[in-house]
């Protein structure tokens, strides 16, 4: 089954969800951001995504989107105050 993967980077958690075209949530997971560095955040996101993929066994990811509070320009997070990032 095709699904979109949505990722939300908040100030304290990374959340991931697999959602079908008709809006049905196949899986979701929240992972604490104990390390807000870019590398630490990637690790938290990877755990959240992996949990979703395991829960929604057989789901095919057709698209992915990432949300982060901050200013972005051409694929770069210029500033994300919740994460303490600049130019990531």
PDB file of N, CA and C in Angstrom:
ATOM      1  N   UNK A   1       0.844  -1.176   0.000  1.00  0.00           N
ATOM      2  CA  UNK A   1       0.000   0.000   0.000  1.00  0.00           C
ATOM      3  C   UNK A   1       0.893   1.244   0.000  1.00  0.00           C
ATOM      4  N   UNK A   2       0.593   2.197  -0.874  1.00  0.00           N
ATOM      5  CA  UNK A   2       1.363   3.446  -0.946  1.00  0.00           C
ATOM      6  C   UNK A   2       0.979   4.384   0.187  1.00  0.00           C
ATOM      7  N   UNK A   3       1.986   5.059   0.730  1.00  0.00           N
ATOM      8  CA  UNK A   3       1.761   6.012   1.810  1.00  0.00           C
ATOM      9  C   UNK A   3       2.777   7.136   1.715  1.00  0.00           C
ATOM     10  N   UNK A   4       2.432   8.255   2.296  1.00  0.00           N
ATOM     11  CA  UNK A   4       3.359   9.376   2.423  1.00  0.00           C
ATOM     12  C   UNK A   4       3.925   9.351   3.835  1.00  0.00           C
ATOM     13  N   UNK A   5       5.179   9.704   3.938  1.00  0.00           N
ATOM     14  CA  UNK A   5       5.847   9.767   5.223  1.00  0.00           C
ATOM     15  C   UNK A   5       5.979  11.233   5.611  1.00  0.00           C
ATOM     16  N   UNK A   6       5.404  11.598   6.732  1.00  0.00           N
ATOM     17  CA  UNK A   6       5.507  12.954   7.240  1.00  0.00           C
ATOM     18  C   UNK A   6       6.389  12.969   8.476  1.00  0.00           C
ATOM     19  N   UNK A   7       7.291  13.948   8.528  1.00  0.00           N
ATOM     20  CA  UNK A   7       8.201  14.080   9.661  1.00  0.00           C
ATOM     21  C   UNK A   7       8.092  15.492  10.211  1.00  0.00           C
ATOM     22  N   UNK A   8       7.925  15.605  11.515  1.00  0.00           N
ATOM     23  CA  UNK A   8       7.827  16.903  12.185  1.00  0.00           C
ATOM     24  C   UNK A   8       8.978  17.014  13.179  1.00  0.00           C
ATOM     25  N   UNK A   9       9.796  18.047  12.996  1.00  0.00           N
ATOM     26  CA  UNK A   9      10.894  18.302  13.942  1.00  0.00           C
ATOM     27  C   UNK A   9      10.470  19.412  14.880  1.00  0.00           C
ATOM     28  N   UNK A  10      10.176  19.049  16.112  1.00  0.00           N
ATOM     29  CA  UNK A  10       9.789  20.032  17.111  1.00  0.00           C
ATOM     30  C   UNK A  10      10.957  20.342  18.026  1.00  0.00           C
ATOM     31  N   UNK A  11      10.710  21.137  19.022  1.00  0.00           N
ATOM     32  CA  UNK A  11      11.761  21.514  19.949  1.00  0.00           C
ATOM     33  C   UNK A  11      12.161  20.406  20.910  1.00  0.00           C
ATOM     34  N   UNK A  12      11.254  19.442  21.141  1.00  0.00           N
ATOM     35  CA  UNK A  12      11.551  18.379  22.096  1.00  0.00           C
ATOM     36  C   UNK A  12      11.392  16.980  21.516  1.00  0.00           C
ATOM     37  N   UNK A  13      10.695  16.860  20.383  1.00  0.00           N
ATOM     38  CA  UNK A  13      10.426  15.545  19.797  1.00  0.00           C
ATOM     39  C   UNK A  13      10.537  15.575  18.280  1.00  0.00           C
ATOM     40  N   UNK A  14      10.842  14.409  17.733  1.00  0.00           N
ATOM     41  CA  UNK A  14      10.721  14.166  16.297  1.00  0.00           C
ATOM     42  C   UNK A  14       9.538  13.222  16.153  1.00  0.00           C
ATOM     43  N   UNK A  15       8.629  13.569  15.277  1.00  0.00           N
ATOM     44  CA  UNK A  15       7.454  12.723  15.046  1.00  0.00           C
ATOM     45  C   UNK A  15       7.458  12.272  13.598  1.00  0.00           C
ATOM     46  N   UNK A  16       7.012  11.045  13.376  1.00  0.00           N
ATOM     47  CA  UNK A  16       6.889  10.516  12.026  1.00  0.00           C
ATOM     48  C   UNK A  16       5.539   9.829  11.906  1.00  0.00           C
ATOM     49  N   UNK A  17       4.954   9.892  10.709  1.00  0.00           N
ATOM     50  CA  UNK A  17       3.686   9.217  10.459  1.00  0.00           C
ATOM     51  C   UNK A  17       3.645   8.755   9.013  1.00  0.00           C
ATOM     52  N   UNK A  18       3.053   7.600   8.798  1.00  0.00           N
ATOM     53  CA  UNK A  18       2.772   7.089   7.463  1.00  0.00           C
ATOM     54  C   UNK A  18       1.282   7.235   7.234  1.00  0.00           C
ATOM     55  N   UNK A  19       0.909   7.929   6.158  1.00  0.00           N
ATOM     56  CA  UNK A  19      -0.492   8.252   5.900  1.00  0.00           C
ATOM     57  C   UNK A  19      -0.836   7.890   4.462  1.00  0.00           C
ATOM     58  N   UNK A  20      -1.981   7.241   4.271  1.00  0.00           N
ATOM     59  CA  UNK A  20      -2.418   6.877   2.924  1.00  0.00           C
ATOM     60  C   UNK A  20      -2.989   8.101   2.208  1.00  0.00           C
ATOM     61  N   UNK A  21      -3.183   7.950   0.912  1.00  0.00           N
ATOM     62  CA  UNK A  21      -3.726   9.031   0.087  1.00  0.00           C
ATOM     63  C   UNK A  21      -5.097   9.512   0.587  1.00  0.00           C
ATOM     64  N   UNK A  22      -5.869   8.590   1.150  1.00  0.00           N
ATOM     65  CA  UNK A  22      -7.197   8.971   1.643  1.00  0.00           C
ATOM     66  C   UNK A  22      -7.181   9.429   3.105  1.00  0.00           C
ATOM     67  N   UNK A  23      -5.990   9.611   3.673  1.00  0.00           N
ATOM     68  CA  UNK A  23      -5.877  10.187   5.012  1.00  0.00           C
ATOM     69  C   UNK A  23      -5.825   9.199   6.161  1.00  0.00           C
ATOM     70  N   UNK A  24      -5.775   7.925   5.872  1.00  0.00           N
ATOM     71  CA  UNK A  24      -5.717   6.923   6.938  1.00  0.00           C
ATOM     72  C   UNK A  24      -4.287   6.825   7.476  1.00  0.00           C
ATOM     73  N   UNK A  25      -4.133   6.951   8.778  1.00  0.00           N
ATOM     74  CA  UNK A  25      -2.823   6.858   9.416  1.00  0.00           C
ATOM     75  C   UNK A  25      -2.494   5.383   9.618  1.00  0.00           C
ATOM     76  N   UNK A  26      -1.442   4.941   8.955  1.00  0.00           N
ATOM     77  CA  UNK A  26      -1.020   3.544   9.080  1.00  0.00           C
ATOM     78  C   UNK A  26      -0.144   3.330  10.304  1.00  0.00           C
ATOM     79  N   UNK A  27       0.661   4.330  10.625  1.00  0.00           N
ATOM     80  CA  UNK A  27       1.568   4.226  11.771  1.00  0.00           C
ATOM     81  C   UNK A  27       2.049   5.616  12.147  1.00  0.00           C
ATOM     82  N   UNK A  28       2.378   5.770  13.419  1.00  0.00           N
ATOM     83  CA  UNK A  28       2.973   7.027  13.887  1.00  0.00           C
ATOM     84  C   UNK A  28       3.885   6.727  15.064  1.00  0.00           C
ATOM     85  N   UNK A  29       4.866   7.607  15.237  1.00  0.00           N
ATOM     86  CA  UNK A  29       5.822   7.399  16.331  1.00  0.00           C
ATOM     87  C   UNK A  29       6.390   8.751  16.761  1.00  0.00           C
ATOM     88  N   UNK A  30       6.606   8.905  18.052  1.00  0.00           N
ATOM     89  CA  UNK A  30       7.227  10.100  18.617  1.00  0.00           C
ATOM     90  C   UNK A  30       8.518   9.678  19.301  1.00  0.00           C
ATOM     91  N   UNK A  31       9.597  10.375  18.970  1.00  0.00           N
ATOM     92  CA  UNK A  31      10.912  10.075  19.525  1.00  0.00           C
ATOM     93  C   UNK A  31      11.462  11.340  20.171  1.00  0.00           C
ATOM     94  N   UNK A  32      11.900  11.246  21.413  1.00  0.00           N
ATOM     95  CA  UNK A  32      12.464  12.409  22.111  1.00  0.00           C
ATOM     96  C   UNK A  32      13.750  12.872  21.438  1.00  0.00           C
ATOM     97  N   UNK A  33      13.898  14.187  21.333  1.00  0.00           N
ATOM     98  CA  UNK A  33      15.143  14.776  20.822  1.00  0.00           C
ATOM     99  C   UNK A  33      16.042  15.076  22.020  1.00  0.00           C
ATOM    100  N   UNK A  34      16.774  14.077  22.448  1.00  0.00           N
ATOM    101  CA  UNK A  34      17.675  14.265  23.589  1.00  0.00           C
ATOM    102  C   UNK A  34      18.959  14.950  23.152  1.00  0.00           C
ATOM    103  N   UNK A  35      19.305  14.823  21.875  1.00  0.00           N
ATOM    104  CA  UNK A  35      20.477  15.476  21.292  1.00  0.00           C
ATOM    105  C   UNK A  35      19.983  16.273  20.088  1.00  0.00           C
ATOM    106  N   UNK A  36      19.949  17.594  20.204  1.00  0.00           N
ATOM    107  CA  UNK A  36      19.401  18.438  19.144  1.00  0.00           C
ATOM    108  C   UNK A  36      20.422  18.815  18.070  1.00  0.00           C
ATOM    109  N   UNK A  37      21.619  18.260  18.148  1.00  0.00           N
ATOM    110  CA  UNK A  37      22.580  18.507  17.077  1.00  0.00           C
ATOM    111  C   UNK A  37      22.015  17.916  15.789  1.00  0.00           C
ATOM    112  N   UNK A  38      22.481  18.374  14.636  1.00  0.00           N
ATOM    113  CA  UNK A  38      21.990  17.776  13.387  1.00  0.00           C
ATOM    114  C   UNK A  38      22.153  16.258  13.352  1.00  0.00           C
ATOM    115  N   UNK A  39      23.301  15.747  13.754  1.00  0.00           N
ATOM    116  CA  UNK A  39      23.533  14.300  13.741  1.00  0.00           C
ATOM    117  C   UNK A  39      22.610  13.578  14.727  1.00  0.00           C
ATOM    118  N   UNK A  40      22.452  14.139  15.919  1.00  0.00           N
ATOM    119  CA  UNK A  40      21.562  13.540  16.911  1.00  0.00           C
ATOM    120  C   UNK A  40      20.114  13.554  16.455  1.00  0.00           C
ATOM    121  N   UNK A  41      19.718  14.624  15.794  1.00  0.00           N
ATOM    122  CA  UNK A  41      18.352  14.729  15.278  1.00  0.00           C
ATOM    123  C   UNK A  41      18.121  13.696  14.192  1.00  0.00           C
ATOM    124  N   UNK A  42      19.087  13.508  13.312  1.00  0.00           N
ATOM    125  CA  UNK A  42      18.968  12.487  12.263  1.00  0.00           C
ATOM    126  C   UNK A  42      18.772  11.110  12.889  1.00  0.00           C
ATOM    127  N   UNK A  43      19.509  10.825  13.945  1.00  0.00           N
ATOM    128  CA  UNK A  43      19.356   9.531  14.618  1.00  0.00           C
ATOM    129  C   UNK A  43      17.956   9.363  15.201  1.00  0.00           C
ATOM    130  N   UNK A  44      17.415  10.416  15.824  1.00  0.00           N
ATOM    131  CA  UNK A  44      16.060  10.354  16.379  1.00  0.00           C
ATOM    132  C   UNK A  44      15.025  10.174  15.282  1.00  0.00           C
ATOM    133  N   UNK A  45      15.192  10.908  14.186  1.00  0.00           N
ATOM    134  CA  UNK A  45      14.261  10.781  13.053  1.00  0.00           C
ATOM    135  C   UNK A  45      14.337   9.368  12.484  1.00  0.00           C
ATOM    136  N   UNK A  46      15.529   8.837  12.339  1.00  0.00           N
ATOM    137  CA  UNK A  46      15.692   7.485  11.795  1.00  0.00           C
ATOM    138  C   UNK A  46      14.971   6.455  12.664  1.00  0.00           C
ATOM    139  N   UNK A  47      15.064   6.607  13.978  1.00  0.00           N
ATOM    140  CA  UNK A  47      14.363   5.672  14.878  1.00  0.00           C
ATOM    141  C   UNK A  47      12.850   5.797  14.719  1.00  0.00           C
ATOM    142  N   UNK A  48      12.355   7.029  14.611  1.00  0.00           N
ATOM    143  CA  UNK A  48      10.911   7.248  14.445  1.00  0.00           C
ATOM    144  C   UNK A  48      10.422   6.657  13.131  1.00  0.00           C
ATOM    145  N   UNK A  49      11.173   6.884  12.061  1.00  0.00           N
ATOM    146  CA  UNK A  49      10.789   6.359  10.749  1.00  0.00           C
ATOM    147  C   UNK A  49      10.831   4.838  10.755  1.00  0.00           C
ATOM    148  N   UNK A  50      11.889   4.277  11.296  1.00  0.00           N
ATOM    149  CA  UNK A  50      12.011   2.817  11.355  1.00  0.00           C
ATOM    150  C   UNK A  50      10.844   2.198  12.121  1.00  0.00           C
ATOM    151  N   UNK A  51      10.450   2.818  13.215  1.00  0.00           N
ATOM    152  CA  UNK A  51       9.312   2.321  13.986  1.00  0.00           C
ATOM    153  C   UNK A  51       8.039   2.334  13.148  1.00  0.00           C
ATOM    154  N   UNK A  52       7.839   3.406  12.405  1.00  0.00           N
ATOM    155  CA  UNK A  52       6.649   3.496  11.532  1.00  0.00           C
ATOM    156  C   UNK A  52       6.670   2.403  10.471  1.00  0.00           C
ATOM    157  N   UNK A  53       7.814   2.221   9.842  1.00  0.00           N
ATOM    158  CA  UNK A  53       7.917   1.221   8.781  1.00  0.00           C
ATOM    159  C   UNK A  53       7.690  -0.186   9.317  1.00  0.00           C
ATOM    160  N   UNK A  54       8.163  -0.448  10.516  1.00  0.00           N
ATOM    161  CA  UNK A  54       7.940  -1.768  11.117  1.00  0.00           C
ATOM    162  C   UNK A  54       6.466  -1.959  11.472  1.00  0.00           C
ATOM    163  N   UNK A  55       5.831  -0.903  11.985  1.00  0.00           N
ATOM    164  CA  UNK A  55       4.417  -0.995  12.372  1.00  0.00           C
ATOM    165  C   UNK A  55       3.494  -1.148  11.172  1.00  0.00           C
ATOM    166  N   UNK A  56       3.851  -0.495  10.072  1.00  0.00           N
ATOM    167  CA  UNK A  56       3.026  -0.530   8.860  1.00  0.00           C
ATOM    168  C   UNK A  56       3.683  -1.456   7.844  1.00  0.00           C
ATOM    169  N   UNK A  57       3.926  -2.673   8.265  1.00  0.00           N
ATOM    170  CA  UNK A  57       4.606  -3.653   7.438  1.00  0.00           C
ATOM    171  C   UNK A  57       3.972  -3.722   6.049  1.00  0.00           C
ATOM    172  N   UNK A  58       4.803  -3.638   5.030  1.00  0.00           N
ATOM    173  CA  UNK A  58       4.310  -3.718   3.663  1.00  0.00           C
ATOM    174  C   UNK A  58       3.970  -2.376   3.045  1.00  0.00           C
ATOM    175  N   UNK A  59       4.002  -1.306   3.827  1.00  0.00           N
ATOM    176  CA  UNK A  59       3.699   0.025   3.279  1.00  0.00           C
ATOM    177  C   UNK A  59       4.850   0.465   2.383  1.00  0.00           C
ATOM    178  N   UNK A  60       4.494   1.091   1.276  1.00  0.00           N
ATOM    179  CA  UNK A  60       5.471   1.607   0.322  1.00  0.00           C
ATOM    180  C   UNK A  60       5.481   3.122   0.425  1.00  0.00           C
ATOM    181  N   UNK A  61       6.619   3.696   0.727  1.00  0.00           N
ATOM    182  CA  UNK A  61       6.716   5.148   0.861  1.00  0.00           C
ATOM    183  C   UNK A  61       6.809   5.772  -0.533  1.00  0.00           C
ATOM    184  N   UNK A  62       5.778   6.545  -0.885  1.00  0.00           N
ATOM    185  CA  UNK A  62       5.719   7.185  -2.202  1.00  0.00           C
ATOM    186  C   UNK A  62       6.233   8.619  -2.154  1.00  0.00           C
ATOM    187  N   UNK A  63       6.187   9.238  -0.990  1.00  0.00           N
ATOM    188  CA  UNK A  63       6.624  10.631  -0.837  1.00  0.00           C
ATOM    189  C   UNK A  63       6.988  10.872   0.615  1.00  0.00           C
ATOM    190  N   UNK A  64       7.790  11.904   0.830  1.00  0.00           N
ATOM    191  CA  UNK A  64       8.213  12.254   2.180  1.00  0.00           C
ATOM    192  C   UNK A  64       8.263  13.770   2.310  1.00  0.00           C
ATOM    193  N   UNK A  65       7.804  14.277   3.440  1.00  0.00           N
ATOM    194  CA  UNK A  65       7.890  15.699   3.728  1.00  0.00           C
ATOM    195  C   UNK A  65       8.382  15.907   5.141  1.00  0.00           C
ATOM    196  N   UNK A  66       9.131  16.993   5.337  1.00  0.00           N
ATOM    197  CA  UNK A  66       9.683  17.309   6.652  1.00  0.00           C
ATOM    198  C   UNK A  66       9.265  18.721   7.023  1.00  0.00           C
ATOM    199  N   UNK A  67       8.754  18.878   8.233  1.00  0.00           N
ATOM    200  CA  UNK A  67       8.397  20.196   8.735  1.00  0.00           C
ATOM    201  C   UNK A  67       9.312  20.583   9.878  1.00  0.00           C
ATOM    202  N   UNK A  68       9.775  21.828   9.838  1.00  0.00           N
ATOM    203  CA  UNK A  68      10.622  22.344  10.918  1.00  0.00           C
ATOM    204  C   UNK A  68      10.293  23.821  11.092  1.00  0.00           C
ATOM    205  N   UNK A  69      10.141  24.237  12.337  1.00  0.00           N
ATOM    206  CA  UNK A  69       9.855  25.648  12.605  1.00  0.00           C
ATOM    207  C   UNK A  69      11.141  26.442  12.431  1.00  0.00           C
ATOM    208  N   UNK A  70      11.121  27.383  11.540  1.00  0.00           N
ATOM    209  CA  UNK A  70      12.299  28.195  11.317  1.00  0.00           C
ATOM    210  C   UNK A  70      12.306  28.780   9.929  1.00  0.00           C
ATOM    211  N   UNK A  71      13.411  29.339   9.570  1.00  0.00           N
ATOM    212  CA  UNK A  71      13.575  29.964   8.261  1.00  0.00           C
ATOM    213  C   UNK A  71      14.415  29.035   7.396  1.00  0.00           C
ATOM    214  N   UNK A  72      13.887  28.740   6.204  1.00  0.00           N
ATOM    215  CA  UNK A  72      14.587  27.864   5.280  1.00  0.00           C
ATOM    216  C   UNK A  72      14.847  28.588   3.971  1.00  0.00           C
ATOM    217  N   UNK A  73      15.937  28.195   3.316  1.00  0.00           N
ATOM    218  CA  UNK A  73      16.256  28.743   2.006  1.00  0.00           C
ATOM    219  C   UNK A  73      16.961  27.659   1.202  1.00  0.00           C
ATOM    220  N   UNK A  74      16.355  27.282   0.082  1.00  0.00           N
ATOM    221  CA  UNK A  74      16.960  26.340  -0.861  1.00  0.00           C
ATOM    222  C   UNK A  74      17.550  25.102  -0.200  1.00  0.00           C
ATOM    223  N   UNK A  75      16.778  24.442   0.638  1.00  0.00           N
ATOM    224  CA  UNK A  75      17.223  23.215   1.270  1.00  0.00           C
ATOM    225  C   UNK A  75      18.093  23.377   2.499  1.00  0.00           C
ATOM    226  N   UNK A  76      18.286  24.607   2.942  1.00  0.00           N
ATOM    227  CA  UNK A  76      19.093  24.865   4.135  1.00  0.00           C
ATOM    228  C   UNK A  76      18.222  25.474   5.222  1.00  0.00           C
ATOM    229  N   UNK A  77      18.360  24.967   6.428  1.00  0.00           N
ATOM    230  CA  UNK A  77      17.704  25.588   7.573  1.00  0.00           C
ATOM    231  C   UNK A  77      18.594  26.767   7.970  1.00  0.00           C
ATOM    232  N   UNK A  78      18.139  27.973   7.650  1.00  0.00           N
ATOM    233  CA  UNK A  78      18.912  29.174   7.962  1.00  0.00           C
ATOM    234  C   UNK A  78      18.961  29.363   9.472  1.00  0.00           C
ATOM    235  N   UNK A  79      17.795  29.246  10.097  1.00  0.00           N
ATOM    236  CA  UNK A  79      17.723  29.316  11.556  1.00  0.00           C
ATOM    237  C   UNK A  79      16.492  28.540  12.027  1.00  0.00           C
ATOM    238  N   UNK A  80      16.672  27.697  13.032  1.00  0.00           N
ATOM    239  CA  UNK A  80      15.587  26.960  13.680  1.00  0.00           C
ATOM    240  C   UNK A  80      15.757  27.151  15.185  1.00  0.00           C
ATOM    241  N   UNK A  81      15.087  28.149  15.743  1.00  0.00           N
ATOM    242  CA  UNK A  81      15.278  28.484  17.154  1.00  0.00           C
ATOM    243  C   UNK A  81      14.993  27.315  18.109  1.00  0.00           C
ATOM    244  N   UNK A  82      13.974  26.512  17.818  1.00  0.00           N
ATOM    245  CA  UNK A  82      13.633  25.394  18.700  1.00  0.00           C
ATOM    246  C   UNK A  82      14.739  24.352  18.793  1.00  0.00           C
ATOM    247  N   UNK A  83      15.541  24.267  17.733  1.00  0.00           N
ATOM    248  CA  UNK A  83      16.606  23.268  17.692  1.00  0.00           C
ATOM    249  C   UNK A  83      17.974  23.871  17.967  1.00  0.00           C
ATOM    250  N   UNK A  84      18.055  25.200  17.940  1.00  0.00           N
ATOM    251  CA  UNK A  84      19.331  25.876  18.128  1.00  0.00           C
ATOM    252  C   UNK A  84      20.229  25.780  16.896  1.00  0.00           C
ATOM    253  N   UNK A  85      19.628  25.628  15.725  1.00  0.00           N
ATOM    254  CA  UNK A  85      20.386  25.455  14.495  1.00  0.00           C
ATOM    255  C   UNK A  85      20.522  26.773  13.732  1.00  0.00           C
ATOM    256  N   UNK A  86      21.648  26.949  13.081  1.00  0.00           N
ATOM    257  CA  UNK A  86      21.839  27.995  12.074  1.00  0.00           C
ATOM    258  C   UNK A  86      22.642  27.384  10.928  1.00  0.00           C
ATOM    259  N   UNK A  87      22.193  27.668   9.721  1.00  0.00           N
ATOM    260  CA  UNK A  87      22.853  27.221   8.495  1.00  0.00           C
ATOM    261  C   UNK A  87      23.111  25.719   8.463  1.00  0.00           C
ATOM    262  N   UNK A  88      22.045  24.946   8.664  1.00  0.00           N
ATOM    263  CA  UNK A  88      22.140  23.479   8.617  1.00  0.00           C
ATOM    264  C   UNK A  88      21.454  23.006   7.347  1.00  0.00           C
TER     265      UNK A  88
END
